[in-house]
Amino acid sequence: MKNVVVYIGIMFLPDKNALCQRAFSILESVKDMQNQPVMIGFSNELKPGQIAQTKYDGIPCFELAYPQSTRDWLRSLYDTKDIITVLEKIGTSNIKAVILADYRFLASVKLKNYCDKKQVHFISDIMDWFSYRDIKSISEFAKIFDTWARIFFLYRFQERKICISKALYEMYKGSKKCVLIPGTIIPADKKWNTSNVSLSGHDLKIAFAGVPGKNCRKERVDWVIRAIGELNQQKKLDIHFYIAGIDKQTFYEENSKLIDFSDLKNIHFLGRISHEECLELIKSSHLAVIPRERSRLNQYGFSTKISEALACGTPVLATETSDVASYVINDVNGYVCKPDYESLKQMIAYIASLPQEKLLQLKQNSKIHNPLVYMNYTEKLEEVL
């Protein structure tokens, strides 16, 4: 009986990047459908050709060597040898479907042809569409060209697709088997436990976890720092902002225009911390902030930070990009504002004016009103399997 579903993607197990969360959630639905999930990810600790096998949350996982040299990276654009080795080890006669998450174009085509030959359903999990504005290096140009080839050739002419956002779904919904599944979480996972969490003594504690990028072109953390600095000075508010993922020196070296705010005592840089520590930070905060501008990447993608924050019992403050407003409802489980500095500043000022009772109610609501739980999308996944 064919009941194995293999999820493949550039993920560093068990929780070192956002794709891990998505993969585990989708595979939890696979388990609920009485199928056997298997995961294929990558590791920076393996040498080329090495394959490690382990288990996470009861799911058999295979880890392949992530390319370290330019030569290895170029080979990875088309090479599928290690992936096929794992599929052969599982036995293609046992595999019902392969779900491939935004992988290299040429390698994806080869894997699709392999699956077609073996009568295995090939499903693309589509999450990103990079913009030409993101080109800063030769490697980024290659990434964008590779994405373009997937978007306009591979995905357009294949039958089975999972889309992470409404914008992507609208592009491909004409396919026979195309479904929308946003970034979700497994609510029973013990890492979301908030029983021992306590808030700090600050009037408003805002948290951010991630890497904002040079000049904050990925996440507009600079807007938040500037807004808090101005609001604390103008209205004497006790707003504190905790940033995990980058240290203070690196941040201001990459964002020199913000050097005037570098002495603010209520901006706290925690540097790179573990995923578990990031979740503890989010749980102990009044708000998790996701400040993004409108761009092709932000409109067609979807941040897993939203589902994670809500699972932590923490409301979200986000700018209106992608499908955020479909899941974050003002005054219920967070706040959504226009994707510009003044709107974000005004929203922070409004939230800072709320009584503590209201902020605590929002945290309680976030656990209750979290539409981004995997069970809500199991039936959708079944449509493509």
Protein backbone atom coordinates (compact mmCIF):
# COMPACT_ATOMS: atom_id res chain seq x y z
CA MET A 1 0.00 0.00 0.00
CA LYS A 2 1.35 3.41 -0.98
CA ASN A 3 1.02 5.54 2.15
CA VAL A 4 4.36 7.33 2.57
CA VAL A 5 4.40 11.11 2.00
CA VAL A 6 7.87 12.65 1.73
CA TYR A 7 8.39 16.37 2.39
CA ILE A 8 11.61 17.77 0.88
CA GLY A 9 13.00 21.27 1.37
CA ILE A 10 15.98 23.40 2.29
CA MET A 11 15.36 23.14 6.02
CA PHE A 12 17.80 22.66 8.87
CA LEU A 13 16.22 20.31 11.34
CA PRO A 14 14.64 20.37 13.76
CA ASP A 15 13.92 24.11 14.05
CA LYS A 16 16.77 26.15 12.58
CA ASN A 17 14.70 27.91 9.89
CA ALA A 18 11.07 28.79 9.20
CA LEU A 19 10.48 25.97 6.72
CA CYS A 20 10.87 23.40 9.52
CA GLN A 21 7.72 24.69 11.21
CA ARG A 22 5.74 24.47 7.97
CA ALA A 23 7.00 20.99 7.17
CA PHE A 24 6.13 19.55 10.58
CA SER A 25 2.64 21.09 10.46
CA ILE A 26 1.89 19.71 7.00
CA LEU A 27 3.20 16.29 7.98
CA GLU A 28 0.99 16.31 11.09
CA SER A 29 -1.98 16.48 8.70
CA VAL A 30 -0.39 13.61 6.77
CA LYS A 31 -0.37 11.55 9.98
CA ASP A 32 -4.01 12.43 10.68
CA MET A 33 -4.86 11.01 7.25
CA GLN A 34 -3.28 7.69 8.30
CA ASN A 35 -0.27 8.17 6.03
CA GLN A 36 3.39 7.80 6.98
CA PRO A 37 5.34 11.09 6.92
CA VAL A 38 9.04 11.29 6.06
CA MET A 39 11.19 14.41 5.89
CA ILE A 40 14.31 15.21 3.86
CA GLY A 41 16.27 18.29 4.96
CA PHE A 42 19.86 19.52 5.06
CA SER A 43 22.77 19.92 7.44
CA ASN A 44 25.85 22.15 7.39
CA GLU A 45 27.76 19.51 9.34
CA LEU A 46 27.78 16.80 6.67
CA LYS A 47 30.28 16.35 3.85
CA PRO A 48 29.14 16.02 0.21
CA GLY A 49 27.52 12.64 -0.35
CA GLN A 50 26.91 11.98 3.33
CA ILE A 51 23.35 11.20 4.45
CA ALA A 52 22.28 11.13 8.10
CA GLN A 53 19.11 9.49 9.38
CA THR A 54 17.28 10.37 12.58
CA LYS A 55 13.81 11.01 14.00
CA TYR A 56 12.12 14.18 15.17
CA ASP A 57 8.69 14.07 16.81
CA GLY A 58 8.42 10.47 15.70
CA ILE A 59 8.94 11.37 12.02
CA PRO A 60 11.77 9.61 10.12
CA CYS A 61 14.12 12.33 8.86
CA PHE A 62 17.01 12.26 6.44
CA GLU A 63 19.61 15.03 6.36
CA LEU A 64 21.74 15.75 3.28
CA ALA A 65 24.90 17.81 3.01
CA TYR A 66 24.18 21.49 2.35
CA PRO A 67 26.57 22.94 -0.29
CA GLN A 68 29.50 24.82 1.25
CA SER A 69 31.67 25.68 -1.77
CA THR A 70 30.74 27.50 -4.97
CA ARG A 71 31.30 24.27 -6.88
CA ASP A 72 28.97 22.34 -4.58
CA TRP A 73 26.35 25.09 -4.78
CA LEU A 74 26.42 25.09 -8.59
CA ARG A 75 26.08 21.30 -8.62
CA SER A 76 23.07 21.54 -6.30
CA LEU A 77 21.20 23.51 -8.98
CA TYR A 78 20.67 20.33 -10.97
CA ASP A 79 21.92 17.39 -8.89
CA THR A 80 19.28 15.09 -7.34
CA LYS A 81 21.48 12.08 -6.61
CA ASP A 82 21.26 12.22 -2.79
CA ILE A 83 17.51 12.88 -2.78
CA ILE A 84 16.84 9.98 -5.15
CA THR A 85 19.10 7.76 -3.04
CA VAL A 86 16.82 8.44 -0.06
CA LEU A 87 13.65 7.90 -2.11
CA GLU A 88 15.03 4.57 -3.34
CA LYS A 89 15.88 3.60 0.24
CA ILE A 90 12.28 4.29 1.30
CA GLY A 91 11.09 2.40 -1.76
CA THR A 92 9.09 4.21 -4.43
CA SER A 93 6.52 1.42 -4.32
CA ASN A 94 5.70 2.69 -0.81
CA ILE A 95 5.61 6.40 -1.65
CA LYS A 96 2.23 8.00 -2.28
CA ALA A 97 3.47 11.57 -2.80
CA VAL A 98 6.51 13.81 -2.72
CA ILE A 99 6.01 17.41 -1.56
CA LEU A 100 8.85 19.65 -2.72
CA ALA A 101 9.19 23.10 -1.14
CA ASP A 102 10.58 25.86 -3.39
CA TYR A 103 13.61 23.87 -4.54
CA ARG A 104 16.10 24.54 -7.38
CA PHE A 105 14.38 24.71 -10.76
CA LEU A 106 16.44 22.18 -12.73
CA ALA A 107 16.59 19.75 -9.81
CA SER A 108 12.83 20.16 -9.33
CA VAL A 109 12.17 19.28 -12.97
CA LYS A 110 14.34 16.17 -12.65
CA LEU A 111 12.52 15.11 -9.47
CA LYS A 112 9.14 15.67 -11.10
CA ASN A 113 10.12 13.50 -14.05
CA TYR A 114 11.42 10.84 -11.66
CA CYS A 115 8.16 10.86 -9.67
CA ASP A 116 6.06 10.71 -12.85
CA LYS A 117 8.05 7.70 -14.02
CA LYS A 118 7.57 5.97 -10.65
CA GLN A 119 3.85 6.90 -10.50
CA VAL A 120 4.34 9.02 -7.38
CA HIS A 121 2.30 12.22 -6.96
CA PHE A 122 4.57 15.27 -7.26
CA ILE A 123 3.37 18.30 -5.28
CA SER A 124 5.02 21.72 -5.14
CA ASP A 125 4.78 23.74 -1.92
CA ILE A 126 5.04 27.31 -3.22
CA MET A 127 6.06 30.03 -0.76
CA ASP A 128 8.36 32.67 -2.28
CA TRP A 129 8.62 34.94 -5.28
CA PHE A 130 11.72 37.07 -5.02
CA SER A 131 11.84 40.53 -6.60
CA TYR A 132 14.54 42.03 -8.78
CA ARG A 133 14.85 44.78 -6.15
CA ASP A 134 16.40 42.13 -3.90
CA ILE A 135 19.44 41.65 -6.18
CA LYS A 136 22.60 42.60 -4.30
CA SER A 137 25.00 39.89 -5.48
CA ILE A 138 25.55 37.24 -8.15
CA SER A 139 24.16 34.55 -5.85
CA GLU A 140 20.98 36.60 -5.28
CA PHE A 141 20.61 37.09 -9.04
CA ALA A 142 20.86 33.30 -9.48
CA LYS A 143 18.25 32.79 -6.75
CA ILE A 144 15.83 35.23 -8.40
CA PHE A 145 16.32 33.73 -11.86
CA ASP A 146 15.76 30.27 -10.39
CA THR A 147 12.55 31.48 -8.70
CA TRP A 148 11.35 33.06 -11.96
CA ALA A 149 11.84 29.76 -13.80
CA ARG A 150 9.85 27.88 -11.15
CA ILE A 151 7.05 30.46 -11.05
CA PHE A 152 6.51 30.70 -14.81
CA PHE A 153 7.46 27.24 -16.03
CA LEU A 154 7.47 24.46 -13.43
CA TYR A 155 4.50 25.55 -11.31
CA ARG A 156 2.40 26.78 -14.20
CA PHE A 157 2.45 23.42 -16.00
CA GLN A 158 2.18 20.95 -13.15
CA GLU A 159 -1.05 19.67 -11.65
CA ARG A 160 -0.64 19.54 -7.87
CA LYS A 161 0.25 22.65 -5.87
CA ILE A 162 0.10 24.03 -2.34
CA CYS A 163 0.19 27.84 -2.10
CA ILE A 164 1.07 29.70 1.08
CA SER A 165 -0.79 32.92 0.20
CA LYS A 166 -3.90 34.12 -1.59
CA ALA A 167 -1.77 35.97 -4.14
CA LEU A 168 -0.01 32.74 -5.18
CA TYR A 169 -3.27 30.80 -5.09
CA GLU A 170 -4.89 33.31 -7.46
CA MET A 171 -2.04 32.70 -9.93
CA TYR A 172 -2.51 28.93 -10.02
CA LYS A 173 -6.08 28.18 -8.94
CA GLY A 174 -6.95 27.13 -12.49
CA SER A 175 -5.06 23.90 -11.88
CA LYS A 176 -7.10 20.81 -11.09
CA LYS A 177 -5.44 20.34 -7.71
CA CYS A 178 -4.33 23.61 -6.14
CA VAL A 179 -4.95 24.55 -2.50
CA LEU A 180 -4.19 27.43 -0.14
CA ILE A 181 -2.46 26.47 3.11
CA PRO A 182 -0.85 29.31 5.10
CA GLY A 183 1.88 28.87 7.68
CA THR A 184 0.36 26.87 10.54
CA ILE A 185 1.35 25.33 13.88
CA ILE A 186 0.66 22.16 15.86
CA PRO A 187 -1.16 23.44 18.98
CA ALA A 188 -0.40 20.31 21.04
CA ASP A 189 3.36 20.86 20.69
CA LYS A 190 4.80 21.39 24.16
CA LYS A 191 6.92 24.32 23.00
CA TRP A 192 3.78 26.49 22.95
CA ASN A 193 3.16 25.90 26.68
CA THR A 194 2.62 29.25 28.43
CA SER A 195 1.73 28.02 31.94
CA ASN A 196 4.93 29.37 33.54
CA VAL A 197 5.17 32.63 31.60
CA SER A 198 5.14 36.00 33.35
CA LEU A 199 5.20 39.47 31.83
CA SER A 200 7.86 42.03 32.65
CA GLY A 201 7.15 45.19 34.60
CA HIS A 202 7.22 47.37 31.49
CA ASP A 203 4.04 49.19 30.41
CA LEU A 204 4.55 47.72 26.94
CA LYS A 205 7.08 45.09 25.88
CA ILE A 206 7.44 44.50 22.14
CA ALA A 207 9.52 41.65 20.71
CA PHE A 208 11.05 40.91 17.32
CA ALA A 209 12.83 37.71 16.32
CA GLY A 210 14.69 37.48 13.03
CA VAL A 211 17.32 39.13 10.86
CA PRO A 212 16.15 42.52 9.53
CA GLY A 213 18.85 42.71 6.85
CA LYS A 214 21.12 45.53 5.80
CA ASN A 215 19.26 48.86 5.95
CA CYS A 216 16.35 46.82 7.33
CA ARG A 217 15.25 45.91 3.81
CA LYS A 218 13.76 42.60 5.00
CA GLU A 219 12.01 43.79 8.17
CA ARG A 220 11.58 47.47 9.06
CA VAL A 221 12.92 47.18 12.58
CA ASP A 222 14.26 50.71 12.09
CA TRP A 223 10.68 52.01 12.01
CA VAL A 224 9.99 50.41 15.38
CA ILE A 225 13.21 51.74 16.97
CA ARG A 226 12.58 55.24 15.66
CA ALA A 227 8.91 55.22 16.69
CA ILE A 228 9.67 54.01 20.23
CA GLY A 229 12.47 56.54 20.62
CA GLU A 230 10.21 59.41 19.57
CA LEU A 231 7.19 58.23 21.59
CA ASN A 232 9.18 57.67 24.77
CA GLN A 233 10.66 61.15 24.43
CA GLN A 234 7.39 62.91 23.52
CA LYS A 235 4.99 61.13 25.87
CA LYS A 236 7.33 59.65 28.49
CA LEU A 237 6.02 56.15 27.73
CA ASP A 238 7.64 53.01 29.15
CA ILE A 239 7.92 51.06 25.88
CA HIS A 240 10.69 48.49 25.59
CA PHE A 241 11.74 46.74 22.39
CA TYR A 242 13.62 43.42 22.49
CA ILE A 243 15.37 42.26 19.31
CA ALA A 244 16.58 38.66 18.92
CA GLY A 245 18.65 37.49 15.96
CA ILE A 246 21.27 40.24 15.67
CA ASP A 247 23.65 41.97 18.09
CA LYS A 248 23.75 45.72 18.66
CA GLN A 249 27.12 46.35 16.99
CA THR A 250 26.23 44.45 13.81
CA PHE A 251 22.82 46.11 13.60
CA TYR A 252 24.16 49.66 13.74
CA GLU A 253 27.02 48.85 11.37
CA GLU A 254 24.42 47.69 8.83
CA ASN A 255 22.01 50.54 9.64
CA SER A 256 24.23 53.56 10.16
CA LYS A 257 21.32 56.01 9.65
CA LEU A 258 19.97 54.93 13.02
CA ILE A 259 23.16 55.69 14.94
CA ASP A 260 21.41 58.57 16.78
CA PHE A 261 19.17 55.98 18.43
CA SER A 262 22.02 53.66 19.49
CA ASP A 263 22.07 54.95 23.08
CA LEU A 264 18.40 54.29 23.79
CA LYS A 265 18.22 52.27 26.99
CA ASN A 266 14.84 50.76 26.15
CA ILE A 267 16.08 49.04 22.96
CA HIS A 268 17.54 45.64 23.86
CA PHE A 269 19.62 43.56 21.43
CA LEU A 270 19.84 39.90 22.44
CA GLY A 271 22.00 38.67 19.56
CA ARG A 272 21.59 35.19 18.12
CA ILE A 273 19.71 32.98 20.56
CA SER A 274 18.16 29.53 20.25
CA HIS A 275 14.69 28.99 18.80
CA GLU A 276 13.48 27.93 22.24
CA GLU A 277 14.79 31.20 23.75
CA CYS A 278 13.10 33.17 20.95
CA LEU A 279 9.77 31.55 21.82
CA GLU A 280 10.26 32.37 25.51
CA LEU A 281 10.90 35.99 24.55
CA ILE A 282 7.71 36.12 22.47
CA LYS A 283 5.67 34.50 25.26
CA SER A 284 6.85 37.06 27.83
CA SER A 285 6.02 40.06 25.60
CA HIS A 286 2.83 42.05 25.12
CA LEU A 287 3.30 42.10 21.34
CA ALA A 288 5.28 40.40 18.59
CA VAL A 289 6.01 42.89 15.82
CA ILE A 290 6.29 42.04 12.11
CA PRO A 291 7.12 45.33 10.33
CA ARG A 292 7.30 44.83 6.58
CA GLU A 293 7.01 47.04 3.53
CA ARG A 294 5.00 46.02 0.50
CA SER A 295 7.15 44.13 -1.97
CA ARG A 296 6.63 41.19 -4.27
CA LEU A 297 8.31 38.87 -1.76
CA ASN A 298 6.16 40.13 1.13
CA GLN A 299 2.91 40.14 -0.85
CA TYR A 300 3.28 36.63 -2.26
CA GLY A 301 4.88 35.08 0.81
CA PHE A 302 3.53 34.61 4.31
CA SER A 303 5.36 34.94 7.62
CA THR A 304 5.36 31.90 9.92
CA LYS A 305 6.04 34.39 12.73
CA ILE A 306 2.31 35.15 12.84
CA SER A 307 1.21 31.61 13.64
CA GLU A 308 4.10 31.16 16.07
CA ALA A 309 3.32 34.36 18.00
CA LEU A 310 -0.36 33.47 18.33
CA ALA A 311 0.58 29.97 19.46
CA CYS A 312 2.73 31.60 22.15
CA GLY A 313 -0.33 33.50 23.36
CA THR A 314 1.09 36.80 22.13
CA PRO A 315 -0.87 39.19 19.90
CA VAL A 316 0.72 40.39 16.67
CA LEU A 317 1.43 43.92 15.52
CA ALA A 318 1.96 43.70 11.76
CA THR A 319 1.93 45.93 8.73
CA GLU A 320 -0.66 45.01 6.11
CA THR A 321 1.17 42.76 3.68
CA SER A 322 0.20 39.40 2.19
CA ASP A 323 -2.79 37.85 4.01
CA VAL A 324 -2.02 39.23 7.47
CA ALA A 325 -5.42 40.94 7.81
CA SER A 326 -7.19 37.62 7.18
CA TYR A 327 -5.73 36.13 10.36
CA VAL A 328 -4.93 39.08 12.66
CA ILE A 329 -8.04 40.97 13.77
CA ASN A 330 -7.72 44.39 15.40
CA ASP A 331 -8.56 44.41 19.11
CA VAL A 332 -8.98 40.61 19.09
CA ASN A 333 -5.61 38.89 18.55
CA GLY A 334 -3.46 41.81 17.48
CA TYR A 335 -3.32 44.89 15.27
CA VAL A 336 -2.69 45.53 11.59
CA CYS A 337 -1.68 48.91 10.18
CA LYS A 338 -0.65 50.34 6.82
CA PRO A 339 2.91 49.46 5.76
CA ASP A 340 4.46 52.88 6.42
CA TYR A 341 6.32 54.51 9.30
CA GLU A 342 3.65 56.99 10.46
CA SER A 343 0.93 54.34 10.56
CA LEU A 344 3.13 52.00 12.58
CA LYS A 345 4.08 54.78 15.00
CA GLN A 346 0.44 55.75 15.52
CA MET A 347 -0.52 52.14 16.16
CA ILE A 348 2.26 51.68 18.72
CA ALA A 349 1.10 54.88 20.46
CA TYR A 350 -2.48 53.59 20.52
CA ILE A 351 -1.48 50.21 21.93
CA ALA A 352 0.72 51.90 24.56
CA SER A 353 -2.35 53.84 25.74
CA LEU A 354 -4.32 50.65 26.45
CA PRO A 355 -4.75 49.53 30.07
CA GLN A 356 -2.88 46.44 31.22
CA GLU A 357 -6.20 44.59 31.53
CA LYS A 358 -6.78 45.03 27.79
CA LEU A 359 -3.25 43.88 26.92
CA LEU A 360 -3.69 40.77 29.03
CA GLN A 361 -7.06 40.08 27.39
CA LEU A 362 -5.39 40.31 23.98
CA LYS A 363 -2.85 37.69 25.08
CA GLN A 364 -5.62 35.35 26.20
CA ASN A 365 -7.49 35.94 22.94
CA SER A 366 -4.42 35.07 20.89
CA LYS A 367 -4.43 31.48 22.12
CA ILE A 368 -8.18 31.16 21.60
CA HIS A 369 -8.47 33.03 18.30
CA ASN A 370 -5.64 31.41 16.36
CA PRO A 371 -6.95 30.40 12.92
CA LEU A 372 -3.50 29.16 11.93
CA VAL A 373 -3.66 25.66 13.39
CA TYR A 374 -2.86 22.77 11.08
CA MET A 375 -6.20 20.96 11.66
CA ASN A 376 -8.03 23.75 9.83
CA TYR A 377 -6.24 22.78 6.61
CA THR A 378 -6.02 18.97 6.74
CA GLU A 379 -8.95 18.57 4.35
CA LYS A 380 -7.32 21.00 1.93
CA LEU A 381 -4.11 18.99 1.94
CA GLU A 382 -6.08 15.82 1.29
CA GLU A 383 -7.36 17.37 -1.97
CA VAL A 384 -3.86 17.36 -3.48
CA LEU A 385 -2.65 14.07 -2.06
